[in-house]
């Protein structure tokens, strides 16, 4: 069963991501117009603690969010990244980028 991906605002640029970060769980609105960009906070933290399933499409979406926030001159960080996504990030070297840094996860 697929759990639709949703965003829950925790205020001050912090967002909890809930559901499946998979091809089946992602819809176009999550790609084109995520709410954390529309909010306009300079620093954005996406907490992935409630992501239930992940796949390579989830990692691709995270990369798209990075591109969008950089284009808007916003700072994006991910927190509580599921191990499956971290392993996919390691295959591409993205785990060394500040967005995926385990140190950042510990600080937030």
PDB file of N, CA and C in Angstrom:
ATOM      1  N   UNK A   1       0.833  -1.176   0.000  1.00  0.00           N
ATOM      2  CA  UNK A   1       0.000   0.000   0.000  1.00  0.00           C
ATOM      3  C   UNK A   1       0.884   1.248   0.000  1.00  0.00           C
ATOM      4  N   UNK A   2       0.587   2.182  -0.876  1.00  0.00           N
ATOM      5  CA  UNK A   2       1.362   3.406  -0.994  1.00  0.00           C
ATOM      6  C   UNK A   2       0.780   4.481  -0.081  1.00  0.00           C
ATOM      7  N   UNK A   3       1.660   5.142   0.648  1.00  0.00           N
ATOM      8  CA  UNK A   3       1.269   6.265   1.494  1.00  0.00           C
ATOM      9  C   UNK A   3       1.671   7.552   0.795  1.00  0.00           C
ATOM     10  N   UNK A   4       0.687   8.330   0.422  1.00  0.00           N
ATOM     11  CA  UNK A   4       0.926   9.581  -0.290  1.00  0.00           C
ATOM     12  C   UNK A   4       1.872  10.476   0.511  1.00  0.00           C
ATOM     13  N   UNK A   5       2.794  11.085  -0.170  1.00  0.00           N
ATOM     14  CA  UNK A   5       3.771  11.975   0.447  1.00  0.00           C
ATOM     15  C   UNK A   5       3.092  13.285   0.842  1.00  0.00           C
ATOM     16  N   UNK A   6       3.350  13.732   2.057  1.00  0.00           N
ATOM     17  CA  UNK A   6       2.781  15.004   2.507  1.00  0.00           C
ATOM     18  C   UNK A   6       3.792  15.770   3.350  1.00  0.00           C
ATOM     19  N   UNK A   7       3.557  17.068   3.457  1.00  0.00           N
ATOM     20  CA  UNK A   7       4.416  17.968   4.222  1.00  0.00           C
ATOM     21  C   UNK A   7       3.630  18.502   5.408  1.00  0.00           C
ATOM     22  N   UNK A   8       4.247  18.505   6.565  1.00  0.00           N
ATOM     23  CA  UNK A   8       3.622  19.067   7.756  1.00  0.00           C
ATOM     24  C   UNK A   8       4.542  20.169   8.270  1.00  0.00           C
ATOM     25  N   UNK A   9       4.048  21.400   8.283  1.00  0.00           N
ATOM     26  CA  UNK A   9       4.856  22.523   8.748  1.00  0.00           C
ATOM     27  C   UNK A   9       4.983  22.470  10.260  1.00  0.00           C
ATOM     28  N   UNK A  10       6.207  22.591  10.748  1.00  0.00           N
ATOM     29  CA  UNK A  10       6.491  22.660  12.174  1.00  0.00           C
ATOM     30  C   UNK A  10       6.885  24.079  12.571  1.00  0.00           C
ATOM     31  N   UNK A  11       6.766  25.005  11.622  1.00  0.00           N
ATOM     32  CA  UNK A  11       7.076  26.409  11.876  1.00  0.00           C
ATOM     33  C   UNK A  11       8.552  26.723  11.718  1.00  0.00           C
ATOM     34  N   UNK A  12       8.848  27.977  11.459  1.00  0.00           N
ATOM     35  CA  UNK A  12      10.215  28.488  11.369  1.00  0.00           C
ATOM     36  C   UNK A  12      11.080  27.729  10.359  1.00  0.00           C
ATOM     37  N   UNK A  13      10.501  27.345   9.223  1.00  0.00           N
ATOM     38  CA  UNK A  13      11.271  26.690   8.168  1.00  0.00           C
ATOM     39  C   UNK A  13      11.485  25.201   8.357  1.00  0.00           C
ATOM     40  N   UNK A  14      10.877  24.630   9.390  1.00  0.00           N
ATOM     41  CA  UNK A  14      11.016  23.192   9.650  1.00  0.00           C
ATOM     42  C   UNK A  14       9.785  22.462   9.138  1.00  0.00           C
ATOM     43  N   UNK A  15      10.040  21.369   8.431  1.00  0.00           N
ATOM     44  CA  UNK A  15       8.957  20.579   7.834  1.00  0.00           C
ATOM     45  C   UNK A  15       9.167  19.110   8.115  1.00  0.00           C
ATOM     46  N   UNK A  16       8.093  18.418   8.447  1.00  0.00           N
ATOM     47  CA  UNK A  16       8.108  16.975   8.606  1.00  0.00           C
ATOM     48  C   UNK A  16       7.539  16.365   7.329  1.00  0.00           C
ATOM     49  N   UNK A  17       8.291  15.446   6.734  1.00  0.00           N
ATOM     50  CA  UNK A  17       7.856  14.766   5.524  1.00  0.00           C
ATOM     51  C   UNK A  17       7.244  13.432   5.955  1.00  0.00           C
ATOM     52  N   UNK A  18       6.039  13.164   5.497  1.00  0.00           N
ATOM     53  CA  UNK A  18       5.321  11.970   5.908  1.00  0.00           C
ATOM     54  C   UNK A  18       4.877  11.186   4.670  1.00  0.00           C
ATOM     55  N   UNK A  19       5.030   9.863   4.715  1.00  0.00           N
ATOM     56  CA  UNK A  19       4.567   9.017   3.621  1.00  0.00           C
ATOM     57  C   UNK A  19       5.706   8.349   2.869  1.00  0.00           C
ATOM     58  N   UNK A  20       5.430   7.972   1.636  1.00  0.00           N
ATOM     59  CA  UNK A  20       6.400   7.246   0.807  1.00  0.00           C
ATOM     60  C   UNK A  20       7.160   8.205  -0.098  1.00  0.00           C
ATOM     61  N   UNK A  21       8.455   8.173   0.001  1.00  0.00           N
ATOM     62  CA  UNK A  21       9.324   8.945  -0.884  1.00  0.00           C
ATOM     63  C   UNK A  21       9.757   7.993  -1.998  1.00  0.00           C
ATOM     64  N   UNK A  22       8.745   7.607  -2.805  1.00  0.00           N
ATOM     65  CA  UNK A  22       8.927   6.630  -3.880  1.00  0.00           C
ATOM     66  C   UNK A  22       8.264   7.149  -5.147  1.00  0.00           C
ATOM     67  N   UNK A  23       8.526   6.483  -6.248  1.00  0.00           N
ATOM     68  CA  UNK A  23       7.906   6.860  -7.516  1.00  0.00           C
ATOM     69  C   UNK A  23       6.389   6.892  -7.384  1.00  0.00           C
ATOM     70  N   UNK A  24       5.824   5.890  -6.722  1.00  0.00           N
ATOM     71  CA  UNK A  24       4.364   5.798  -6.580  1.00  0.00           C
ATOM     72  C   UNK A  24       3.798   6.836  -5.610  1.00  0.00           C
ATOM     73  N   UNK A  25       4.594   7.276  -4.638  1.00  0.00           N
ATOM     74  CA  UNK A  25       4.096   8.201  -3.622  1.00  0.00           C
ATOM     75  C   UNK A  25       4.255   9.669  -3.958  1.00  0.00           C
ATOM     76  N   UNK A  26       4.979   9.971  -5.028  1.00  0.00           N
ATOM     77  CA  UNK A  26       5.271  11.357  -5.391  1.00  0.00           C
ATOM     78  C   UNK A  26       4.319  11.811  -6.492  1.00  0.00           C
ATOM     79  N   UNK A  27       3.739  12.980  -6.304  1.00  0.00           N
ATOM     80  CA  UNK A  27       2.930  13.535  -7.387  1.00  0.00           C
ATOM     81  C   UNK A  27       3.554  14.849  -7.860  1.00  0.00           C
ATOM     82  N   UNK A  28       3.138  15.288  -9.031  1.00  0.00           N
ATOM     83  CA  UNK A  28       3.767  16.419  -9.722  1.00  0.00           C
ATOM     84  C   UNK A  28       3.872  17.683  -8.864  1.00  0.00           C
ATOM     85  N   UNK A  29       2.882  17.941  -8.038  1.00  0.00           N
ATOM     86  CA  UNK A  29       2.895  19.145  -7.207  1.00  0.00           C
ATOM     87  C   UNK A  29       4.090  19.147  -6.246  1.00  0.00           C
ATOM     88  N   UNK A  30       4.499  17.961  -5.780  1.00  0.00           N
ATOM     89  CA  UNK A  30       5.650  17.863  -4.871  1.00  0.00           C
ATOM     90  C   UNK A  30       6.944  18.247  -5.591  1.00  0.00           C
ATOM     91  N   UNK A  31       6.949  18.048  -6.894  1.00  0.00           N
ATOM     92  CA  UNK A  31       8.139  18.370  -7.678  1.00  0.00           C
ATOM     93  C   UNK A  31       8.132  19.848  -8.071  1.00  0.00           C
ATOM     94  N   UNK A  32       7.016  20.303  -8.610  1.00  0.00           N
ATOM     95  CA  UNK A  32       6.942  21.649  -9.177  1.00  0.00           C
ATOM     96  C   UNK A  32       6.784  22.761  -8.150  1.00  0.00           C
ATOM     97  N   UNK A  33       6.108  22.479  -7.054  1.00  0.00           N
ATOM     98  CA  UNK A  33       5.769  23.556  -6.132  1.00  0.00           C
ATOM     99  C   UNK A  33       5.692  23.074  -4.685  1.00  0.00           C
ATOM    100  N   UNK A  34       6.814  22.634  -4.121  1.00  0.00           N
ATOM    101  CA  UNK A  34       6.753  22.171  -2.731  1.00  0.00           C
ATOM    102  C   UNK A  34       6.460  23.346  -1.783  1.00  0.00           C
ATOM    103  N   UNK A  35       5.674  23.111  -0.737  1.00  0.00           N
ATOM    104  CA  UNK A  35       5.261  24.206   0.139  1.00  0.00           C
ATOM    105  C   UNK A  35       6.402  24.895   0.873  1.00  0.00           C
ATOM    106  N   UNK A  36       7.494  24.192   1.137  1.00  0.00           N
ATOM    107  CA  UNK A  36       8.588  24.827   1.874  1.00  0.00           C
ATOM    108  C   UNK A  36       9.282  25.910   1.052  1.00  0.00           C
ATOM    109  N   UNK A  37       9.214  25.839  -0.258  1.00  0.00           N
ATOM    110  CA  UNK A  37       9.779  26.906  -1.092  1.00  0.00           C
ATOM    111  C   UNK A  37       8.819  28.087  -1.143  1.00  0.00           C
ATOM    112  N   UNK A  38       7.547  27.802  -1.241  1.00  0.00           N
ATOM    113  CA  UNK A  38       6.548  28.879  -1.276  1.00  0.00           C
ATOM    114  C   UNK A  38       6.523  29.665   0.031  1.00  0.00           C
ATOM    115  N   UNK A  39       6.899  29.026   1.134  1.00  0.00           N
ATOM    116  CA  UNK A  39       6.889  29.689   2.432  1.00  0.00           C
ATOM    117  C   UNK A  39       7.911  30.814   2.494  1.00  0.00           C
ATOM    118  N   UNK A  40       9.030  30.657   1.796  1.00  0.00           N
ATOM    119  CA  UNK A  40      10.011  31.721   1.686  1.00  0.00           C
ATOM    120  C   UNK A  40      10.983  31.879   2.847  1.00  0.00           C
ATOM    121  N   UNK A  41      11.091  30.884   3.722  1.00  0.00           N
ATOM    122  CA  UNK A  41      12.078  30.943   4.803  1.00  0.00           C
ATOM    123  C   UNK A  41      13.462  30.721   4.211  1.00  0.00           C
ATOM    124  N   UNK A  42      14.451  31.450   4.733  1.00  0.00           N
ATOM    125  CA  UNK A  42      15.814  31.341   4.207  1.00  0.00           C
ATOM    126  C   UNK A  42      16.443  29.988   4.522  1.00  0.00           C
ATOM    127  N   UNK A  43      16.202  29.476   5.724  1.00  0.00           N
ATOM    128  CA  UNK A  43      16.732  28.176   6.138  1.00  0.00           C
ATOM    129  C   UNK A  43      15.583  27.182   6.232  1.00  0.00           C
ATOM    130  N   UNK A  44      15.752  26.058   5.557  1.00  0.00           N
ATOM    131  CA  UNK A  44      14.709  25.037   5.522  1.00  0.00           C
ATOM    132  C   UNK A  44      15.312  23.727   6.013  1.00  0.00           C
ATOM    133  N   UNK A  45      14.613  23.086   6.931  1.00  0.00           N
ATOM    134  CA  UNK A  45      15.014  21.764   7.401  1.00  0.00           C
ATOM    135  C   UNK A  45      13.869  20.809   7.122  1.00  0.00           C
ATOM    136  N   UNK A  46      14.161  19.765   6.358  1.00  0.00           N
ATOM    137  CA  UNK A  46      13.174  18.734   6.057  1.00  0.00           C
ATOM    138  C   UNK A  46      13.504  17.500   6.886  1.00  0.00           C
ATOM    139  N   UNK A  47      12.606  17.138   7.779  1.00  0.00           N
ATOM    140  CA  UNK A  47      12.774  15.977   8.652  1.00  0.00           C
ATOM    141  C   UNK A  47      12.102  14.775   7.991  1.00  0.00           C
ATOM    142  N   UNK A  48      12.887  13.765   7.691  1.00  0.00           N
ATOM    143  CA  UNK A  48      12.391  12.587   6.987  1.00  0.00           C
ATOM    144  C   UNK A  48      12.092  11.422   7.936  1.00  0.00           C
ATOM    145  N   UNK A  49      11.936  11.711   9.215  1.00  0.00           N
ATOM    146  CA  UNK A  49      11.723  10.652  10.209  1.00  0.00           C
ATOM    147  C   UNK A  49      10.458   9.847   9.957  1.00  0.00           C
ATOM    148  N   UNK A  50       9.450  10.429   9.329  1.00  0.00           N
ATOM    149  CA  UNK A  50       8.199   9.713   9.099  1.00  0.00           C
ATOM    150  C   UNK A  50       8.035   9.247   7.655  1.00  0.00           C
ATOM    151  N   UNK A  51       9.129   9.173   6.919  1.00  0.00           N
ATOM    152  CA  UNK A  51       9.095   8.587   5.575  1.00  0.00           C
ATOM    153  C   UNK A  51       9.071   7.074   5.755  1.00  0.00           C
ATOM    154  N   UNK A  52       8.077   6.432   5.166  1.00  0.00           N
ATOM    155  CA  UNK A  52       7.887   5.001   5.384  1.00  0.00           C
ATOM    156  C   UNK A  52       8.606   4.121   4.369  1.00  0.00           C
ATOM    157  N   UNK A  53       8.644   4.527   3.105  1.00  0.00           N
ATOM    158  CA  UNK A  53       9.324   3.770   2.049  1.00  0.00           C
ATOM    159  C   UNK A  53      10.081   4.739   1.159  1.00  0.00           C
ATOM    160  N   UNK A  54      11.189   4.260   0.606  1.00  0.00           N
ATOM    161  CA  UNK A  54      12.002   5.100  -0.283  1.00  0.00           C
ATOM    162  C   UNK A  54      12.479   4.285  -1.477  1.00  0.00           C
ATOM    163  N   UNK A  55      12.854   4.998  -2.523  1.00  0.00           N
ATOM    164  CA  UNK A  55      13.511   4.372  -3.672  1.00  0.00           C
ATOM    165  C   UNK A  55      14.326   5.458  -4.384  1.00  0.00           C
ATOM    166  N   UNK A  56      14.866   5.134  -5.527  1.00  0.00           N
ATOM    167  CA  UNK A  56      15.721   6.091  -6.238  1.00  0.00           C
ATOM    168  C   UNK A  56      14.943   7.330  -6.683  1.00  0.00           C
ATOM    169  N   UNK A  57      13.641   7.207  -6.922  1.00  0.00           N
ATOM    170  CA  UNK A  57      12.837   8.384  -7.274  1.00  0.00           C
ATOM    171  C   UNK A  57      12.796   9.367  -6.103  1.00  0.00           C
ATOM    172  N   UNK A  58      12.811   8.850  -4.885  1.00  0.00           N
ATOM    173  CA  UNK A  58      12.853   9.707  -3.711  1.00  0.00           C
ATOM    174  C   UNK A  58      14.139  10.501  -3.655  1.00  0.00           C
ATOM    175  N   UNK A  59      15.259   9.849  -3.949  1.00  0.00           N
ATOM    176  CA  UNK A  59      16.532  10.556  -3.986  1.00  0.00           C
ATOM    177  C   UNK A  59      16.533  11.595  -5.098  1.00  0.00           C
ATOM    178  N   UNK A  60      15.978  11.249  -6.244  1.00  0.00           N
ATOM    179  CA  UNK A  60      15.903  12.210  -7.353  1.00  0.00           C
ATOM    180  C   UNK A  60      15.060  13.422  -6.959  1.00  0.00           C
ATOM    181  N   UNK A  61      13.985  13.196  -6.222  1.00  0.00           N
ATOM    182  CA  UNK A  61      13.162  14.311  -5.765  1.00  0.00           C
ATOM    183  C   UNK A  61      13.935  15.186  -4.782  1.00  0.00           C
ATOM    184  N   UNK A  62      14.683  14.582  -3.894  1.00  0.00           N
ATOM    185  CA  UNK A  62      15.499  15.359  -2.957  1.00  0.00           C
ATOM    186  C   UNK A  62      16.510  16.222  -3.711  1.00  0.00           C
ATOM    187  N   UNK A  63      17.102  15.679  -4.749  1.00  0.00           N
ATOM    188  CA  UNK A  63      18.057  16.440  -5.564  1.00  0.00           C
ATOM    189  C   UNK A  63      17.341  17.599  -6.257  1.00  0.00           C
ATOM    190  N   UNK A  64      16.136  17.365  -6.737  1.00  0.00           N
ATOM    191  CA  UNK A  64      15.353  18.435  -7.354  1.00  0.00           C
ATOM    192  C   UNK A  64      15.051  19.535  -6.342  1.00  0.00           C
ATOM    193  N   UNK A  65      14.709  19.162  -5.118  1.00  0.00           N
ATOM    194  CA  UNK A  65      14.461  20.164  -4.072  1.00  0.00           C
ATOM    195  C   UNK A  65      15.719  20.984  -3.796  1.00  0.00           C
ATOM    196  N   UNK A  66      16.871  20.326  -3.821  1.00  0.00           N
ATOM    197  CA  UNK A  66      18.139  21.045  -3.624  1.00  0.00           C
ATOM    198  C   UNK A  66      18.317  22.079  -4.730  1.00  0.00           C
ATOM    199  N   UNK A  67      18.093  21.677  -5.971  1.00  0.00           N
ATOM    200  CA  UNK A  67      18.223  22.602  -7.100  1.00  0.00           C
ATOM    201  C   UNK A  67      17.272  23.788  -6.962  1.00  0.00           C
ATOM    202  N   UNK A  68      16.025  23.513  -6.588  1.00  0.00           N
ATOM    203  CA  UNK A  68      15.039  24.577  -6.467  1.00  0.00           C
ATOM    204  C   UNK A  68      15.391  25.556  -5.347  1.00  0.00           C
ATOM    205  N   UNK A  69      15.825  25.034  -4.224  1.00  0.00           N
ATOM    206  CA  UNK A  69      16.165  25.936  -3.118  1.00  0.00           C
ATOM    207  C   UNK A  69      17.418  26.744  -3.446  1.00  0.00           C
ATOM    208  N   UNK A  70      18.378  26.141  -4.101  1.00  0.00           N
ATOM    209  CA  UNK A  70      19.579  26.896  -4.502  1.00  0.00           C
ATOM    210  C   UNK A  70      19.220  28.015  -5.467  1.00  0.00           C
ATOM    211  N   UNK A  71      18.301  27.746  -6.392  1.00  0.00           N
ATOM    212  CA  UNK A  71      17.876  28.767  -7.355  1.00  0.00           C
ATOM    213  C   UNK A  71      17.185  29.935  -6.650  1.00  0.00           C
ATOM    214  N   UNK A  72      16.547  29.655  -5.518  1.00  0.00           N
ATOM    215  CA  UNK A  72      15.858  30.692  -4.743  1.00  0.00           C
ATOM    216  C   UNK A  72      16.754  31.298  -3.657  1.00  0.00           C
ATOM    217  N   UNK A  73      18.006  30.849  -3.621  1.00  0.00           N
ATOM    218  CA  UNK A  73      18.983  31.285  -2.612  1.00  0.00           C
ATOM    219  C   UNK A  73      18.527  30.952  -1.183  1.00  0.00           C
ATOM    220  N   UNK A  74      17.966  29.766  -1.040  1.00  0.00           N
ATOM    221  CA  UNK A  74      17.549  29.258   0.254  1.00  0.00           C
ATOM    222  C   UNK A  74      18.510  28.153   0.678  1.00  0.00           C
ATOM    223  N   UNK A  75      18.630  27.942   1.983  1.00  0.00           N
ATOM    224  CA  UNK A  75      19.492  26.871   2.494  1.00  0.00           C
ATOM    225  C   UNK A  75      18.621  25.701   2.926  1.00  0.00           C
ATOM    226  N   UNK A  76      18.913  24.525   2.385  1.00  0.00           N
ATOM    227  CA  UNK A  76      18.138  23.323   2.652  1.00  0.00           C
ATOM    228  C   UNK A  76      19.010  22.283   3.336  1.00  0.00           C
ATOM    229  N   UNK A  77      18.442  21.665   4.371  1.00  0.00           N
ATOM    230  CA  UNK A  77      19.108  20.568   5.062  1.00  0.00           C
ATOM    231  C   UNK A  77      18.090  19.463   5.294  1.00  0.00           C
ATOM    232  N   UNK A  78      18.569  18.225   5.210  1.00  0.00           N
ATOM    233  CA  UNK A  78      17.732  17.070   5.492  1.00  0.00           C
ATOM    234  C   UNK A  78      18.120  16.498   6.843  1.00  0.00           C
ATOM    235  N   UNK A  79      17.131  16.022   7.567  1.00  0.00           N
ATOM    236  CA  UNK A  79      17.334  15.459   8.898  1.00  0.00           C
ATOM    237  C   UNK A  79      16.651  14.095   8.946  1.00  0.00           C
ATOM    238  N   UNK A  80      17.233  13.160   9.688  1.00  0.00           N
ATOM    239  CA  UNK A  80      16.664  11.810   9.839  1.00  0.00           C
ATOM    240  C   UNK A  80      16.435  11.127   8.497  1.00  0.00           C
ATOM    241  N   UNK A  81      17.462  11.150   7.669  1.00  0.00           N
ATOM    242  CA  UNK A  81      17.388  10.531   6.341  1.00  0.00           C
ATOM    243  C   UNK A  81      17.342   9.010   6.511  1.00  0.00           C
ATOM    244  N   UNK A  82      16.352   8.345   5.905  1.00  0.00           N
ATOM    245  CA  UNK A  82      16.293   6.873   6.001  1.00  0.00           C
ATOM    246  C   UNK A  82      17.562   6.236   5.443  1.00  0.00           C
ATOM    247  N   UNK A  83      17.957   5.127   6.054  1.00  0.00           N
ATOM    248  CA  UNK A  83      19.193   4.437   5.646  1.00  0.00           C
ATOM    249  C   UNK A  83      19.208   4.083   4.171  1.00  0.00           C
ATOM    250  N   UNK A  84      18.073   3.675   3.628  1.00  0.00           N
ATOM    251  CA  UNK A  84      18.029   3.306   2.205  1.00  0.00           C
ATOM    252  C   UNK A  84      18.399   4.503   1.331  1.00  0.00           C
ATOM    253  N   UNK A  85      17.920   5.700   1.686  1.00  0.00           N
ATOM    254  CA  UNK A  85      18.269   6.896   0.916  1.00  0.00           C
ATOM    255  C   UNK A  85      19.733   7.267   1.118  1.00  0.00           C
ATOM    256  N   UNK A  86      20.231   7.117   2.333  1.00  0.00           N
ATOM    257  CA  UNK A  86      21.650   7.395   2.569  1.00  0.00           C
ATOM    258  C   UNK A  86      22.529   6.456   1.752  1.00  0.00           C
ATOM    259  N   UNK A  87      22.135   5.195   1.672  1.00  0.00           N
ATOM    260  CA  UNK A  87      22.910   4.237   0.874  1.00  0.00           C
ATOM    261  C   UNK A  87      22.893   4.606  -0.602  1.00  0.00           C
ATOM    262  N   UNK A  88      21.735   5.049  -1.109  1.00  0.00           N
ATOM    263  CA  UNK A  88      21.669   5.501  -2.499  1.00  0.00           C
ATOM    264  C   UNK A  88      22.535   6.747  -2.697  1.00  0.00           C
ATOM    265  N   UNK A  89      22.515   7.645  -1.731  1.00  0.00           N
ATOM    266  CA  UNK A  89      23.321   8.862  -1.814  1.00  0.00           C
ATOM    267  C   UNK A  89      24.812   8.525  -1.824  1.00  0.00           C
ATOM    268  N   UNK A  90      25.192   7.510  -1.068  1.00  0.00           N
ATOM    269  CA  UNK A  90      26.602   7.098  -1.026  1.00  0.00           C
ATOM    270  C   UNK A  90      27.077   6.612  -2.392  1.00  0.00           C
ATOM    271  N   UNK A  91      26.193   5.956  -3.140  1.00  0.00           N
ATOM    272  CA  UNK A  91      26.564   5.457  -4.471  1.00  0.00           C
ATOM    273  C   UNK A  91      26.956   6.592  -5.412  1.00  0.00           C
ATOM    274  N   UNK A  92      26.383   7.764  -5.195  1.00  0.00           N
ATOM    275  CA  UNK A  92      26.652   8.908  -6.069  1.00  0.00           C
ATOM    276  C   UNK A  92      27.587   9.930  -5.433  1.00  0.00           C
ATOM    277  N   UNK A  93      27.969   9.711  -4.181  1.00  0.00           N
ATOM    278  CA  UNK A  93      28.822  10.664  -3.485  1.00  0.00           C
ATOM    279  C   UNK A  93      28.051  11.815  -2.844  1.00  0.00           C
ATOM    280  N   UNK A  94      26.727  11.818  -2.969  1.00  0.00           N
ATOM    281  CA  UNK A  94      25.921  12.893  -2.390  1.00  0.00           C
ATOM    282  C   UNK A  94      25.937  12.897  -0.874  1.00  0.00           C
ATOM    283  N   UNK A  95      26.274  11.766  -0.270  1.00  0.00           N
ATOM    284  CA  UNK A  95      26.297  11.704   1.187  1.00  0.00           C
ATOM    285  C   UNK A  95      27.327  12.660   1.781  1.00  0.00           C
ATOM    286  N   UNK A  96      28.256  13.122   0.954  1.00  0.00           N
ATOM    287  CA  UNK A  96      29.289  14.055   1.422  1.00  0.00           C
ATOM    288  C   UNK A  96      28.854  15.518   1.285  1.00  0.00           C
ATOM    289  N   UNK A  97      27.749  15.759   0.583  1.00  0.00           N
ATOM    290  CA  UNK A  97      27.221  17.113   0.417  1.00  0.00           C
ATOM    291  C   UNK A  97      26.611  17.571   1.742  1.00  0.00           C
ATOM    292  N   UNK A  98      26.643  18.862   2.025  1.00  0.00           N
ATOM    293  CA  UNK A  98      26.128  19.344   3.307  1.00  0.00           C
ATOM    294  C   UNK A  98      24.652  19.031   3.532  1.00  0.00           C
ATOM    295  N   UNK A  99      23.898  18.858   2.475  1.00  0.00           N
ATOM    296  CA  UNK A  99      22.472  18.546   2.608  1.00  0.00           C
ATOM    297  C   UNK A  99      22.243  17.190   3.264  1.00  0.00           C
ATOM    298  N   UNK A 100      23.161  16.262   3.027  1.00  0.00           N
ATOM    299  CA  UNK A 100      23.028  14.889   3.477  1.00  0.00           C
ATOM    300  C   UNK A 100      23.939  14.560   4.653  1.00  0.00           C
ATOM    301  N   UNK A 101      24.627  15.554   5.171  1.00  0.00           N
ATOM    302  CA  UNK A 101      25.636  15.345   6.194  1.00  0.00           C
ATOM    303  C   UNK A 101      25.047  14.770   7.478  1.00  0.00           C
ATOM    304  N   UNK A 102      25.643  13.697   7.951  1.00  0.00           N
ATOM    305  CA  UNK A 102      25.211  13.121   9.226  1.00  0.00           C
ATOM    306  C   UNK A 102      25.473  14.074  10.381  1.00  0.00           C
ATOM    307  N   UNK A 103      26.515  14.883  10.266  1.00  0.00           N
ATOM    308  CA  UNK A 103      26.788  15.877  11.320  1.00  0.00           C
ATOM    309  C   UNK A 103      25.653  16.879  11.431  1.00  0.00           C
ATOM    310  N   UNK A 104      25.126  17.313  10.300  1.00  0.00           N
ATOM    311  CA  UNK A 104      23.996  18.242  10.329  1.00  0.00           C
ATOM    312  C   UNK A 104      22.797  17.600  10.997  1.00  0.00           C
ATOM    313  N   UNK A 105      22.590  16.309  10.764  1.00  0.00           N
ATOM    314  CA  UNK A 105      21.469  15.631  11.379  1.00  0.00           C
ATOM    315  C   UNK A 105      21.611  15.640  12.896  1.00  0.00           C
ATOM    316  N   UNK A 106      22.820  15.474  13.402  1.00  0.00           N
ATOM    317  CA  UNK A 106      23.051  15.448  14.839  1.00  0.00           C
ATOM    318  C   UNK A 106      22.827  16.826  15.473  1.00  0.00           C
ATOM    319  N   UNK A 107      23.175  17.886  14.747  1.00  0.00           N
ATOM    320  CA  UNK A 107      23.063  19.243  15.278  1.00  0.00           C
ATOM    321  C   UNK A 107      21.623  19.738  15.328  1.00  0.00           C
ATOM    322  N   UNK A 108      20.792  19.252  14.425  1.00  0.00           N
ATOM    323  CA  UNK A 108      19.399  19.731  14.362  1.00  0.00           C
ATOM    324  C   UNK A 108      18.551  18.819  15.166  1.00  0.00           C
TER     325      UNK A 108
END
